[in-house]
Amino acid sequence: MTASPRITTTRTLAALALLAAGAGPALAQSSGNPNTLNNMNERLSTQSQIRGIQNQQQFDNSQNRMQIQRNELFRPEPSAGPAIIAPRR
């Protein structure tokens, strides 16, 4: 039983994609100045830290907004002031 040309082409493309994915890190390591790679790693690390801080700020802002909404929802009605009682005559 032979595979159809379309299945064979798909399998070939999948195999090439796996090879390229596996060779990518090896090529990056062998084809550059170590300082360049270190600089790139530092930039990626910094970007990751910035994203983490931004995510934490967004989370904190969302928590604050939710707390404000809860406070508004359960805020007691303001009283009309002290009741005035007329003296007895």
Protein backbone atom coordinates (compact mmCIF):
# COMPACT_ATOMS: atom_id res chain seq x y z
CA MET A 1 0.00 0.00 0.00
CA THR A 2 1.52 3.33 -1.05
CA ALA A 3 0.83 6.71 0.49
CA SER A 4 -0.76 9.37 -1.64
CA PRO A 5 1.50 12.17 -2.91
CA ARG A 6 -0.31 14.65 -0.67
CA ILE A 7 0.35 12.62 2.50
CA THR A 8 3.99 12.10 1.47
CA THR A 9 4.43 15.83 0.92
CA THR A 10 2.85 16.62 4.29
CA ARG A 11 5.12 14.11 6.03
CA THR A 12 8.17 15.51 4.27
CA LEU A 13 7.26 19.07 5.28
CA ALA A 14 6.67 17.96 8.87
CA ALA A 15 10.06 16.22 8.96
CA LEU A 16 11.79 19.30 7.55
CA ALA A 17 10.06 21.49 10.12
CA LEU A 18 11.27 19.23 12.93
CA LEU A 19 14.81 19.30 11.55
CA ALA A 20 14.75 23.08 11.28
CA ALA A 21 13.39 23.43 14.81
CA GLY A 22 16.08 21.17 16.18
CA ALA A 23 18.86 22.81 14.20
CA GLY A 24 17.80 26.35 15.07
CA PRO A 25 19.38 26.52 18.55
CA ALA A 26 22.52 24.71 17.33
CA LEU A 27 22.94 27.16 14.46
CA ALA A 28 22.40 30.12 16.76
CA GLN A 29 25.06 28.87 19.14
CA SER A 30 27.65 28.13 16.51
CA SER A 31 27.13 31.13 14.28
CA GLY A 32 27.79 34.08 16.45
CA ASN A 33 29.89 35.97 18.83
CA PRO A 34 29.29 34.79 22.41
CA ASN A 35 28.97 38.41 23.48
CA THR A 36 26.17 38.89 20.95
CA LEU A 37 24.37 35.85 22.30
CA ASN A 38 24.85 37.05 25.87
CA ASN A 39 23.48 40.47 24.94
CA MET A 40 20.49 38.85 23.27
CA ASN A 41 19.85 36.70 26.34
CA GLU A 42 20.05 39.77 28.57
CA ARG A 43 17.56 41.65 26.36
CA LEU A 44 15.18 38.70 26.41
CA SER A 45 15.51 38.44 30.17
CA THR A 46 14.82 42.15 30.57
CA GLN A 47 11.78 41.93 28.30
CA SER A 48 10.50 39.00 30.31
CA GLN A 49 10.92 40.93 33.56
CA ILE A 50 9.11 43.94 32.09
CA ARG A 51 6.22 41.72 30.95
CA GLY A 52 6.05 40.20 34.43
CA ILE A 53 5.88 43.64 36.03
CA GLN A 54 3.23 44.79 33.55
CA ASN A 55 1.16 41.68 34.23
CA GLN A 56 1.43 42.23 37.99
CA GLN A 57 0.37 45.87 37.60
CA GLN A 58 -2.59 44.86 35.44
CA PHE A 59 -3.60 42.26 38.02
CA ASP A 60 -3.31 44.79 40.86
CA ASN A 61 -5.36 47.35 38.91
CA SER A 62 -8.06 44.77 38.23
CA GLN A 63 -8.15 43.78 41.90
CA ASN A 64 -8.47 47.43 42.95
CA ARG A 65 -11.30 48.04 40.46
CA MET A 66 -13.12 44.95 41.67
CA GLN A 67 -12.73 46.03 45.30
CA ILE A 68 -14.08 49.49 44.47
CA GLN A 69 -17.08 47.92 42.73
CA ARG A 70 -17.74 45.70 45.77
CA ASN A 71 -17.50 48.69 48.08
CA GLU A 72 -19.98 50.62 45.92
CA LEU A 73 -22.35 47.67 45.81
CA PHE A 74 -22.42 47.11 49.55
CA ARG A 75 -22.12 50.71 50.70
CA PRO A 76 -24.77 51.49 53.34
CA GLU A 77 -27.34 54.12 52.53
CA PRO A 78 -26.51 57.49 54.04
CA SER A 79 -28.65 58.39 56.99
CA ALA A 80 -30.88 61.45 56.81
CA GLY A 81 -29.28 62.84 59.93
CA PRO A 82 -30.40 62.73 63.53
CA ALA A 83 -34.09 62.39 64.05
CA ILE A 84 -35.64 65.56 65.42
CA ILE A 85 -38.04 64.86 68.21
CA ALA A 86 -40.38 67.66 69.13
CA PRO A 87 -40.60 68.31 72.87
CA ARG A 88 -43.84 67.37 74.58
CA ARG A 89 -46.16 70.20 75.50
